[in-house]
Amino acid sequence: MINRDGGRCQITGPLTIDVVTALFNSGLPADGKSALVIDMDKVEAVDSAAVSLLLSWIRRAQHDHISLCFSNVPDNLLSLARLYGVDGFIPLCQEASAQP
C-alpha cells in the first residue's frame, strides 16, 4: 500500500510478487510532483520483484523529469540489488535532506 503526503510516499506492508504487480500497473506515485521521496520504513518483506519495481519507478521518474530517491530501504532489498548488480542505480535519500 502507498500513502501519499505531498512529495513523500510511504510504502507499507510486503513488497513481494503478490503486490508488486498492482503497484507496477498503477505507475509511479508522483501525482505531478517534480521531486518524490519513497519511504520504505514500513515495508515488512521483500523479494526480487521489489527490485524490479524500484527500477521501473526510476526509469519512469527519469522519463518524467522527476527527482526521485528512496528512504529507509530495507537491508535485504539492498542485498538483492547488490546481488543483481543494480544497487548503484537506486538513488538513496540523504536522510537529513529527505524532504523534497
Protein backbone atom coordinates (compact mmCIF):
# COMPACT_ATOMS: atom_id res chain seq x y z
CA MET A 1 0.00 0.00 0.00
CA ILE A 2 1.15 3.54 -0.74
CA ASN A 3 0.22 6.52 1.40
CA ARG A 4 0.95 9.90 -0.21
CA ASP A 5 1.74 13.10 1.65
CA GLY A 6 2.84 15.79 -0.77
CA GLY A 7 6.18 14.80 -2.23
CA ARG A 8 6.60 11.83 0.10
CA CYS A 9 5.15 8.35 -0.34
CA GLN A 10 5.16 5.80 2.46
CA ILE A 11 5.17 2.16 1.36
CA THR A 12 3.59 -0.17 3.93
CA GLY A 13 3.29 -3.93 4.11
CA PRO A 14 5.05 -6.51 1.98
CA LEU A 15 6.76 -5.59 -1.27
CA THR A 16 6.64 -9.02 -2.87
CA ILE A 17 5.47 -10.54 -6.13
CA ASP A 18 1.92 -10.73 -4.72
CA VAL A 19 1.58 -6.92 -4.51
CA VAL A 20 4.29 -5.57 -6.80
CA THR A 21 2.30 -6.25 -9.96
CA ALA A 22 -0.53 -3.99 -8.80
CA LEU A 23 1.94 -1.27 -7.76
CA PHE A 24 3.73 -1.56 -11.10
CA ASN A 25 0.44 -1.28 -13.01
CA SER A 26 -0.57 1.81 -11.04
CA GLY A 27 2.66 3.56 -12.07
CA LEU A 28 4.98 5.91 -10.24
CA PRO A 29 3.06 7.65 -7.44
CA ALA A 30 4.33 11.13 -8.33
CA ASP A 31 0.99 12.92 -8.75
CA GLY A 32 2.56 15.72 -10.75
CA LYS A 33 5.37 16.39 -8.27
CA SER A 34 8.83 17.27 -9.55
CA ALA A 35 10.52 15.63 -6.55
CA LEU A 36 9.48 12.47 -4.79
CA VAL A 37 10.72 10.54 -1.76
CA ILE A 38 9.68 6.91 -1.46
CA ASP A 39 9.90 6.00 2.24
CA MET A 40 10.25 2.26 2.81
CA ASP A 41 10.45 2.32 6.61
CA LYS A 42 7.22 0.32 6.98
CA VAL A 43 7.99 -2.35 4.36
CA GLU A 44 7.59 -5.72 6.06
CA ALA A 45 9.01 -8.15 3.47
CA VAL A 46 10.66 -8.01 0.06
CA ASP A 47 11.61 -10.34 -2.74
CA SER A 48 13.28 -9.86 -6.12
CA ALA A 49 10.10 -8.33 -7.53
CA ALA A 50 10.71 -5.30 -5.29
CA VAL A 51 14.00 -4.64 -7.10
CA SER A 52 12.16 -4.67 -10.43
CA LEU A 53 9.56 -2.25 -9.09
CA LEU A 54 12.18 0.22 -7.89
CA LEU A 55 13.96 0.07 -11.24
CA SER A 56 10.71 0.67 -13.11
CA TRP A 57 9.91 3.68 -10.91
CA ILE A 58 13.43 5.02 -11.51
CA ARG A 59 13.01 4.71 -15.29
CA ARG A 60 9.60 6.44 -15.12
CA ALA A 61 10.99 9.25 -12.95
CA GLN A 62 13.85 9.83 -15.39
CA HIS A 63 11.40 9.87 -18.30
CA ASP A 64 9.12 12.34 -16.49
CA HIS A 65 11.99 14.52 -15.17
CA ILE A 66 11.15 13.74 -11.55
CA SER A 67 13.83 13.83 -8.88
CA LEU A 68 13.36 10.51 -7.05
CA CYS A 69 15.06 8.97 -4.05
CA PHE A 70 14.36 6.07 -1.71
CA SER A 71 14.46 6.42 2.06
CA ASN A 72 14.83 3.72 4.72
CA VAL A 73 15.41 0.97 2.17
CA PRO A 74 15.43 -2.42 3.94
CA ASP A 75 18.84 -4.08 4.13
CA ASN A 76 17.57 -7.25 2.48
CA LEU A 77 16.34 -5.22 -0.50
CA LEU A 78 19.73 -3.55 -0.82
CA SER A 79 21.34 -7.01 -0.64
CA LEU A 80 19.16 -8.23 -3.51
CA ALA A 81 20.04 -5.13 -5.55
CA ARG A 82 23.75 -5.79 -4.91
CA LEU A 83 23.31 -9.44 -5.89
CA TYR A 84 21.81 -8.37 -9.24
CA GLY A 85 24.43 -5.65 -9.73
CA VAL A 86 21.92 -2.78 -9.78
CA ASP A 87 22.47 -1.24 -6.34
CA GLY A 88 24.31 1.69 -7.94
CA PHE A 89 21.17 2.61 -9.89
CA ILE A 90 18.98 3.03 -6.80
CA PRO A 91 19.10 6.65 -5.59
CA LEU A 92 19.13 6.69 -1.81
CA CYS A 93 17.97 9.82 0.01
CA GLN A 94 20.33 11.56 2.32
CA GLU A 95 18.17 11.27 5.42
CA ALA A 96 18.96 14.77 6.70
CA SER A 97 17.55 16.25 3.48
CA ALA A 98 14.92 13.65 2.60
CA GLN A 99 12.12 16.22 2.36
CA PRO A 100 11.76 17.41 -1.24
